[in-house]
C-alpha atoms as a PDB file:
ATOM      1  CA  UNK A   1     -11.039  33.267 -12.494  1.00  0.00           C
ATOM      2  CA  UNK A   2     -11.814  29.576 -12.019  1.00  0.00           C
ATOM      3  CA  UNK A   3      -9.509  27.262 -13.822  1.00  0.00           C
ATOM      4  CA  UNK A   4      -9.790  23.966 -11.689  1.00  0.00           C
ATOM      5  CA  UNK A   5     -12.871  22.178 -10.817  1.00  0.00           C
ATOM      6  CA  UNK A   6     -12.522  19.481  -8.076  1.00  0.00           C
ATOM      7  CA  UNK A   7     -15.498  16.945  -7.692  1.00  0.00           C
ATOM      8  CA  UNK A   8     -16.499  14.878  -4.878  1.00  0.00           C
ATOM      9  CA  UNK A   9     -17.782  11.367  -5.878  1.00  0.00           C
ATOM     10  CA  UNK A  10     -20.595   9.980  -3.792  1.00  0.00           C
ATOM     11  CA  UNK A  11     -24.007  11.907  -4.053  1.00  0.00           C
ATOM     12  CA  UNK A  12     -22.228  14.422  -6.214  1.00  0.00           C
ATOM     13  CA  UNK A  13     -21.676  12.644  -9.568  1.00  0.00           C
ATOM     14  CA  UNK A  14     -24.286  10.009  -8.850  1.00  0.00           C
ATOM     15  CA  UNK A  15     -26.885   9.042  -6.165  1.00  0.00           C
ATOM     16  CA  UNK A  16     -25.084   7.027  -3.476  1.00  0.00           C
ATOM     17  CA  UNK A  17     -28.193   5.303  -2.826  1.00  0.00           C
ATOM     18  CA  UNK A  18     -27.760   3.357  -6.112  1.00  0.00           C
ATOM     19  CA  UNK A  19     -24.311   2.045  -4.880  1.00  0.00           C
ATOM     20  CA  UNK A  20     -25.552   1.084  -1.366  1.00  0.00           C
ATOM     21  CA  UNK A  21     -28.397  -1.010  -3.010  1.00  0.00           C
ATOM     22  CA  UNK A  22     -26.030  -2.542  -5.251  1.00  0.00           C
ATOM     23  CA  UNK A  23     -23.949  -3.562  -2.423  1.00  0.00           C
ATOM     24  CA  UNK A  24     -26.786  -4.953  -0.308  1.00  0.00           C
ATOM     25  CA  UNK A  25     -27.840  -6.993  -3.413  1.00  0.00           C
ATOM     26  CA  UNK A  26     -24.412  -8.516  -3.245  1.00  0.00           C
ATOM     27  CA  UNK A  27     -24.821  -9.187   0.518  1.00  0.00           C
ATOM     28  CA  UNK A  28     -28.263 -10.701   0.117  1.00  0.00           C
ATOM     29  CA  UNK A  29     -26.853 -13.134  -2.739  1.00  0.00           C
ATOM     30  CA  UNK A  30     -24.258 -14.338  -0.102  1.00  0.00           C
ATOM     31  CA  UNK A  31     -26.739 -14.790   2.880  1.00  0.00           C
ATOM     32  CA  UNK A  32     -29.126 -16.642   0.545  1.00  0.00           C
ATOM     33  CA  UNK A  33     -26.513 -19.435   0.335  1.00  0.00           C
ATOM     34  CA  UNK A  34     -26.730 -20.096   3.905  1.00  0.00           C
ATOM     35  CA  UNK A  35     -28.838 -23.158   5.162  1.00  0.00           C
ATOM     36  CA  UNK A  36     -32.576 -22.348   5.656  1.00  0.00           C
ATOM     37  CA  UNK A  37     -32.044 -18.723   4.352  1.00  0.00           C
ATOM     38  CA  UNK A  38     -35.037 -17.220   2.403  1.00  0.00           C
ATOM     39  CA  UNK A  39     -34.578 -16.200  -1.412  1.00  0.00           C
ATOM     40  CA  UNK A  40     -32.150 -13.398  -1.988  1.00  0.00           C
ATOM     41  CA  UNK A  41     -34.959 -11.026  -3.150  1.00  0.00           C
ATOM     42  CA  UNK A  42     -36.432 -11.337   0.172  1.00  0.00           C
ATOM     43  CA  UNK A  43     -33.232 -10.716   2.022  1.00  0.00           C
ATOM     44  CA  UNK A  44     -32.582  -7.554  -0.094  1.00  0.00           C
ATOM     45  CA  UNK A  45     -36.031  -6.147   0.614  1.00  0.00           C
ATOM     46  CA  UNK A  46     -35.305  -6.696   4.304  1.00  0.00           C
ATOM     47  CA  UNK A  47     -31.855  -5.070   4.056  1.00  0.00           C
ATOM     48  CA  UNK A  48     -33.176  -2.239   1.970  1.00  0.00           C
ATOM     49  CA  UNK A  49     -35.960  -1.374   4.288  1.00  0.00           C
ATOM     50  CA  UNK A  50     -33.573  -1.268   7.420  1.00  0.00           C
ATOM     51  CA  UNK A  51     -31.092   0.879   5.314  1.00  0.00           C
ATOM     52  CA  UNK A  52     -33.702   3.373   4.103  1.00  0.00           C
ATOM     53  CA  UNK A  53     -35.299   3.358   7.678  1.00  0.00           C
ATOM     54  CA  UNK A  54     -31.967   5.094   8.656  1.00  0.00           C
ATOM     55  CA  UNK A  55     -29.824   2.317  10.235  1.00  0.00           C
ATOM     56  CA  UNK A  56     -26.652   2.579   8.260  1.00  0.00           C
ATOM     57  CA  UNK A  57     -24.368   1.158  10.779  1.00  0.00           C
ATOM     58  CA  UNK A  58     -25.770  -2.124  11.928  1.00  0.00           C
ATOM     59  CA  UNK A  59     -27.843  -2.944   8.867  1.00  0.00           C
ATOM     60  CA  UNK A  60     -26.569  -6.568   8.433  1.00  0.00           C
ATOM     61  CA  UNK A  61     -27.032  -7.372  12.289  1.00  0.00           C
ATOM     62  CA  UNK A  62     -30.602  -6.058  12.247  1.00  0.00           C
ATOM     63  CA  UNK A  63     -31.544  -7.769   8.835  1.00  0.00           C
ATOM     64  CA  UNK A  64     -30.250 -11.042  10.090  1.00  0.00           C
ATOM     65  CA  UNK A  65     -31.979 -10.688  13.586  1.00  0.00           C
ATOM     66  CA  UNK A  66     -35.329  -9.955  11.486  1.00  0.00           C
ATOM     67  CA  UNK A  67     -34.771 -13.018   9.270  1.00  0.00           C
ATOM     68  CA  UNK A  68     -34.058 -15.178  12.260  1.00  0.00           C
ATOM     69  CA  UNK A  69     -30.594 -16.210  11.026  1.00  0.00           C
ATOM     70  CA  UNK A  70     -27.806 -16.625  13.501  1.00  0.00           C
ATOM     71  CA  UNK A  71     -24.472 -14.899  13.245  1.00  0.00           C
ATOM     72  CA  UNK A  72     -21.202 -14.015  14.750  1.00  0.00           C
ATOM     73  CA  UNK A  73     -18.626 -11.510  14.233  1.00  0.00           C
ATOM     74  CA  UNK A  74     -16.852 -13.576  11.285  1.00  0.00           C
ATOM     75  CA  UNK A  75     -19.998 -13.456   9.336  1.00  0.00           C
ATOM     76  CA  UNK A  76     -20.593  -9.723   9.799  1.00  0.00           C
ATOM     77  CA  UNK A  77     -17.048  -9.064   8.672  1.00  0.00           C
ATOM     78  CA  UNK A  78     -17.582 -11.437   5.611  1.00  0.00           C
ATOM     79  CA  UNK A  79     -20.746  -9.424   4.797  1.00  0.00           C
ATOM     80  CA  UNK A  80     -19.015  -6.230   4.996  1.00  0.00           C
ATOM     81  CA  UNK A  81     -16.246  -7.425   2.933  1.00  0.00           C
ATOM     82  CA  UNK A  82     -18.626  -8.520   0.260  1.00  0.00           C
ATOM     83  CA  UNK A  83     -20.353  -5.061   0.363  1.00  0.00           C
ATOM     84  CA  UNK A  84     -17.048  -3.172   0.082  1.00  0.00           C
ATOM     85  CA  UNK A  85     -15.579  -5.300  -2.753  1.00  0.00           C
ATOM     86  CA  UNK A  86     -18.449  -6.001  -4.829  1.00  0.00           C
ATOM     87  CA  UNK A  87     -18.356  -4.907  -8.483  1.00  0.00           C
ATOM     88  CA  UNK A  88     -21.296  -2.253  -8.475  1.00  0.00           C
ATOM     89  CA  UNK A  89     -23.957  -1.851 -11.007  1.00  0.00           C
ATOM     90  CA  UNK A  90     -23.940   1.776 -11.597  1.00  0.00           C
ATOM     91  CA  UNK A  91     -24.688   4.247 -14.548  1.00  0.00           C
ATOM     92  CA  UNK A  92     -23.392   7.837 -14.617  1.00  0.00           C
ATOM     93  CA  UNK A  93     -26.454   9.936 -14.760  1.00  0.00           C
ATOM     94  CA  UNK A  94     -26.769  11.835 -18.061  1.00  0.00           C
ATOM     95  CA  UNK A  95     -26.906  15.267 -16.387  1.00  0.00           C
ATOM     96  CA  UNK A  96     -23.475  14.510 -14.905  1.00  0.00           C
ATOM     97  CA  UNK A  97     -22.057  13.261 -18.184  1.00  0.00           C
ATOM     98  CA  UNK A  98     -23.188  16.389 -20.021  1.00  0.00           C
ATOM     99  CA  UNK A  99     -21.662  18.715 -17.376  1.00  0.00           C
ATOM    100  CA  UNK A 100     -18.319  16.762 -17.290  1.00  0.00           C
ATOM    101  CA  UNK A 101     -18.382  16.829 -21.083  1.00  0.00           C
ATOM    102  CA  UNK A 102     -18.984  20.650 -21.201  1.00  0.00           C
ATOM    103  CA  UNK A 103     -16.640  21.531 -18.347  1.00  0.00           C
ATOM    104  CA  UNK A 104     -13.453  19.595 -19.417  1.00  0.00           C
ATOM    105  CA  UNK A 105     -13.137  21.905 -22.567  1.00  0.00           C
ATOM    106  CA  UNK A 106     -12.584  24.870 -20.293  1.00  0.00           C
ATOM    107  CA  UNK A 107     -11.424  23.635 -17.017  1.00  0.00           C
ATOM    108  CA  UNK A 108      -8.792  21.274 -15.222  1.00  0.00           C
ATOM    109  CA  UNK A 109     -10.986  18.707 -13.682  1.00  0.00           C
ATOM    110  CA  UNK A 110     -10.046  16.624 -10.637  1.00  0.00           C
ATOM    111  CA  UNK A 111     -11.698  14.161  -8.352  1.00  0.00           C
ATOM    112  CA  UNK A 112     -11.228  13.847  -4.630  1.00  0.00           C
ATOM    113  CA  UNK A 113     -13.087  11.044  -2.629  1.00  0.00           C
ATOM    114  CA  UNK A 114     -12.877   9.404   0.824  1.00  0.00           C
ATOM    115  CA  UNK A 115     -13.893   5.871   1.546  1.00  0.00           C
ATOM    116  CA  UNK A 116     -12.486   2.341   1.328  1.00  0.00           C
ATOM    117  CA  UNK A 117     -10.044   2.298  -1.558  1.00  0.00           C
ATOM    118  CA  UNK A 118     -11.182  -0.959  -3.376  1.00  0.00           C
ATOM    119  CA  UNK A 119     -14.755   0.242  -3.201  1.00  0.00           C
ATOM    120  CA  UNK A 120     -14.149   3.874  -4.527  1.00  0.00           C
ATOM    121  CA  UNK A 121     -12.103   2.671  -7.312  1.00  0.00           C
ATOM    122  CA  UNK A 122     -14.639   0.066  -8.261  1.00  0.00           C
ATOM    123  CA  UNK A 123     -17.167   2.871  -8.231  1.00  0.00           C
ATOM    124  CA  UNK A 124     -15.152   5.068 -10.687  1.00  0.00           C
ATOM    125  CA  UNK A 125     -14.550   2.187 -12.812  1.00  0.00           C
ATOM    126  CA  UNK A 126     -18.414   1.263 -12.878  1.00  0.00           C
ATOM    127  CA  UNK A 127     -19.233   4.817 -13.645  1.00  0.00           C
ATOM    128  CA  UNK A 128     -16.609   5.025 -16.442  1.00  0.00           C
ATOM    129  CA  UNK A 129     -15.446   8.487 -15.262  1.00  0.00           C
ATOM    130  CA  UNK A 130     -11.617   8.200 -14.990  1.00  0.00           C
ATOM    131  CA  UNK A 131     -10.962   9.770 -18.351  1.00  0.00           C
ATOM    132  CA  UNK A 132     -12.658  12.951 -17.359  1.00  0.00           C
ATOM    133  CA  UNK A 133     -10.138  13.913 -14.633  1.00  0.00           C
ATOM    134  CA  UNK A 134      -6.482  15.187 -14.898  1.00  0.00           C
ATOM    135  CA  UNK A 135      -6.066  13.923 -11.228  1.00  0.00           C
ATOM    136  CA  UNK A 136      -7.725  11.578  -9.115  1.00  0.00           C
ATOM    137  CA  UNK A 137      -6.963  11.519  -5.281  1.00  0.00           C
ATOM    138  CA  UNK A 138      -8.408   8.647  -3.126  1.00  0.00           C
ATOM    139  CA  UNK A 139      -7.682   9.959   0.473  1.00  0.00           C
ATOM    140  CA  UNK A 140      -7.358   6.340   1.529  1.00  0.00           C
ATOM    141  CA  UNK A 141      -4.078   6.163  -0.274  1.00  0.00           C
ATOM    142  CA  UNK A 142      -2.683   8.920   1.805  1.00  0.00           C
ATOM    143  CA  UNK A 143      -3.828   7.317   5.051  1.00  0.00           C
ATOM    144  CA  UNK A 144      -6.930   7.188   6.972  1.00  0.00           C
ATOM    145  CA  UNK A 145      -5.915  10.100   8.955  1.00  0.00           C
ATOM    146  CA  UNK A 146      -6.045  12.236   5.821  1.00  0.00           C
ATOM    147  CA  UNK A 147      -9.848  11.628   5.124  1.00  0.00           C
ATOM    148  CA  UNK A 148     -11.875  14.668   4.940  1.00  0.00           C
ATOM    149  CA  UNK A 149     -11.798  17.194   6.650  1.00  0.00           C
ATOM    150  CA  UNK A 150      -7.984  17.039   6.289  1.00  0.00           C
ATOM    151  CA  UNK A 151      -6.820  19.488   3.796  1.00  0.00           C
ATOM    152  CA  UNK A 152      -4.257  16.949   2.421  1.00  0.00           C
ATOM    153  CA  UNK A 153      -6.226  15.592  -0.420  1.00  0.00           C
ATOM    154  CA  UNK A 154      -7.139  19.116  -1.669  1.00  0.00           C
ATOM    155  CA  UNK A 155      -3.355  20.322  -1.251  1.00  0.00           C
ATOM    156  CA  UNK A 156      -2.343  17.141  -3.380  1.00  0.00           C
ATOM    157  CA  UNK A 157      -4.661  18.096  -6.187  1.00  0.00           C
ATOM    158  CA  UNK A 158      -3.734  21.768  -6.188  1.00  0.00           C
ATOM    159  CA  UNK A 159      -0.040  20.886  -6.221  1.00  0.00           C
ATOM    160  CA  UNK A 160      -0.481  18.296  -9.041  1.00  0.00           C
ATOM    161  CA  UNK A 161      -2.389  20.694 -11.105  1.00  0.00           C
ATOM    162  CA  UNK A 162      -0.268  23.758 -10.336  1.00  0.00           C
ATOM    163  CA  UNK A 163      -3.501  25.552  -9.403  1.00  0.00           C
ATOM    164  CA  UNK A 164      -4.006  28.316  -6.975  1.00  0.00           C
ATOM    165  CA  UNK A 165      -6.648  27.907  -4.229  1.00  0.00           C
ATOM    166  CA  UNK A 166      -8.456  31.027  -5.437  1.00  0.00           C
ATOM    167  CA  UNK A 167      -8.621  29.701  -8.947  1.00  0.00           C
ATOM    168  CA  UNK A 168     -10.331  26.332  -7.715  1.00  0.00           C
ATOM    169  CA  UNK A 169     -13.684  25.250  -6.427  1.00  0.00           C
ATOM    170  CA  UNK A 170     -14.898  21.996  -4.773  1.00  0.00           C
ATOM    171  CA  UNK A 171     -18.298  20.557  -5.479  1.00  0.00           C
ATOM    172  CA  UNK A 172     -19.422  18.132  -3.042  1.00  0.00           C
ATOM    173  CA  UNK A 173     -22.606  17.139  -0.889  1.00  0.00           C
ATOM    174  CA  UNK A 174     -21.951  16.892   2.728  1.00  0.00           C
ATOM    175  CA  UNK A 175     -21.395  20.030   4.873  1.00  0.00           C
ATOM    176  CA  UNK A 176     -20.305  17.868   7.824  1.00  0.00           C
ATOM    177  CA  UNK A 177     -16.770  17.330   6.396  1.00  0.00           C
ATOM    178  CA  UNK A 178     -16.591  18.529   2.663  1.00  0.00           C
ATOM    179  CA  UNK A 179     -16.112  22.167   2.869  1.00  0.00           C
ATOM    180  CA  UNK A 180     -14.010  22.789   6.062  1.00  0.00           C
ATOM    181  CA  UNK A 181     -10.626  22.254   4.507  1.00  0.00           C
ATOM    182  CA  UNK A 182     -11.233  24.048   1.018  1.00  0.00           C
ATOM    183  CA  UNK A 183     -12.808  26.974   2.782  1.00  0.00           C
ATOM    184  CA  UNK A 184      -9.649  27.168   4.940  1.00  0.00           C
ATOM    185  CA  UNK A 185      -7.437  26.961   2.059  1.00  0.00           C
ATOM    186  CA  UNK A 186      -9.099  29.636   0.115  1.00  0.00           C
ATOM    187  CA  UNK A 187     -10.997  27.497  -2.642  1.00  0.00           C
ATOM    188  CA  UNK A 188     -14.511  28.301  -3.599  1.00  0.00           C
ATOM    189  CA  UNK A 189     -16.941  25.735  -2.273  1.00  0.00           C
ATOM    190  CA  UNK A 190     -20.232  24.477  -3.744  1.00  0.00           C
ATOM    191  CA  UNK A 191     -22.733  22.232  -2.239  1.00  0.00           C
ATOM    192  CA  UNK A 192     -24.895  19.870  -4.505  1.00  0.00           C
ATOM    193  CA  UNK A 193     -28.113  19.240  -2.844  1.00  0.00           C
ATOM    194  CA  UNK A 194     -29.315  16.136  -4.618  1.00  0.00           C
ATOM    195  CA  UNK A 195     -32.926  15.216  -3.575  1.00  0.00           C
ATOM    196  CA  UNK A 196     -32.063  11.647  -2.677  1.00  0.00           C
ATOM    197  CA  UNK A 197     -28.705  12.455  -0.984  1.00  0.00           C
ATOM    198  CA  UNK A 198     -27.762  10.388   2.108  1.00  0.00           C
ATOM    199  CA  UNK A 199     -26.309  13.190   4.168  1.00  0.00           C
ATOM    200  CA  UNK A 200     -28.936  15.613   4.497  1.00  0.00           C
ATOM    201  CA  UNK A 201     -28.025  17.595   7.515  1.00  0.00           C
ATOM    202  CA  UNK A 202     -27.029  21.155   7.927  1.00  0.00           C
ATOM    203  CA  UNK A 203     -23.255  22.361   8.678  1.00  0.00           C
ATOM    204  CA  UNK A 204     -22.608  22.501  12.315  1.00  0.00           C
ATOM    205  CA  UNK A 205     -20.486  25.628  12.118  1.00  0.00           C
ATOM    206  CA  UNK A 206     -20.293  28.419   9.664  1.00  0.00           C
ATOM    207  CA  UNK A 207     -16.698  27.400   8.499  1.00  0.00           C
ATOM    208  CA  UNK A 208     -18.255  24.292   7.251  1.00  0.00           C
ATOM    209  CA  UNK A 209     -20.788  25.798   5.159  1.00  0.00           C
ATOM    210  CA  UNK A 210     -20.398  25.872   1.359  1.00  0.00           C
ATOM    211  CA  UNK A 211     -20.291  29.245  -0.090  1.00  0.00           C
ATOM    212  CA  UNK A 212     -22.962  28.304  -2.769  1.00  0.00           C
ATOM    213  CA  UNK A 213     -25.589  25.666  -3.039  1.00  0.00           C
ATOM    214  CA  UNK A 214     -27.192  24.376  -6.093  1.00  0.00           C
ATOM    215  CA  UNK A 215     -29.979  21.871  -6.390  1.00  0.00           C
ATOM    216  CA  UNK A 216     -28.943  20.259  -9.587  1.00  0.00           C
ATOM    217  CA  UNK A 217     -25.523  19.551 -11.298  1.00  0.00           C
ATOM    218  CA  UNK A 218     -26.815  21.149 -14.382  1.00  0.00           C
ATOM    219  CA  UNK A 219     -26.532  24.687 -12.730  1.00  0.00           C
ATOM    220  CA  UNK A 220     -22.741  24.411 -12.292  1.00  0.00           C
ATOM    221  CA  UNK A 221     -21.520  25.551 -15.568  1.00  0.00           C
ATOM    222  CA  UNK A 222     -23.369  28.890 -15.294  1.00  0.00           C
ATOM    223  CA  UNK A 223     -22.282  29.413 -11.608  1.00  0.00           C
ATOM    224  CA  UNK A 224     -18.717  28.879 -12.555  1.00  0.00           C
ATOM    225  CA  UNK A 225     -19.013  31.447 -15.176  1.00  0.00           C
ATOM    226  CA  UNK A 226     -20.060  33.899 -12.735  1.00  0.00           C
ATOM    227  CA  UNK A 227     -17.429  33.268 -10.256  1.00  0.00           C
END
């Protein structure tokens, strides 16, 4: 019997692309203040085209090169800081809200998320979801070495909620790291395959695969009822 549902955050409760565009807008506003820089709307379009084209690691460098703006490591670091620490413009999707409202009446809900701590906290605040969860674990607080696929975050939640692994499930999006630890611990695992998800690659090993895959979060309640 399932008593505890643990949620991932990015590309699970909302489309992470929305956060990325919000962050790139903050960066474009900062670049626009530089001498001879084009308007922020033009900068944002260049950043977005590069990001959606698949460059997620050197987006700022590539955009500045295309815009003909000189830069050094200090400027790139400042842009990264602006991205990570901006107050995002996010709205919790209605389907996620409805599912959270429905499930919290029958299950203990928790949130487990990797990522840089200020950014993840700002996302939770912008989405207005903290009150849905009895437990929130930001793995950055445990230490970078405890980011997924470390089992530490899952174990922390199970201990705090006094839940057994066989009575818990983890809903997330990324088979590269999300399901390895909960599979090993004996939790149920469910992949939410959002159409716009950023991490759209198959699991590299069988132990990284989710036990169930759903295309929409609205299918979660009925799946939980069957488990």
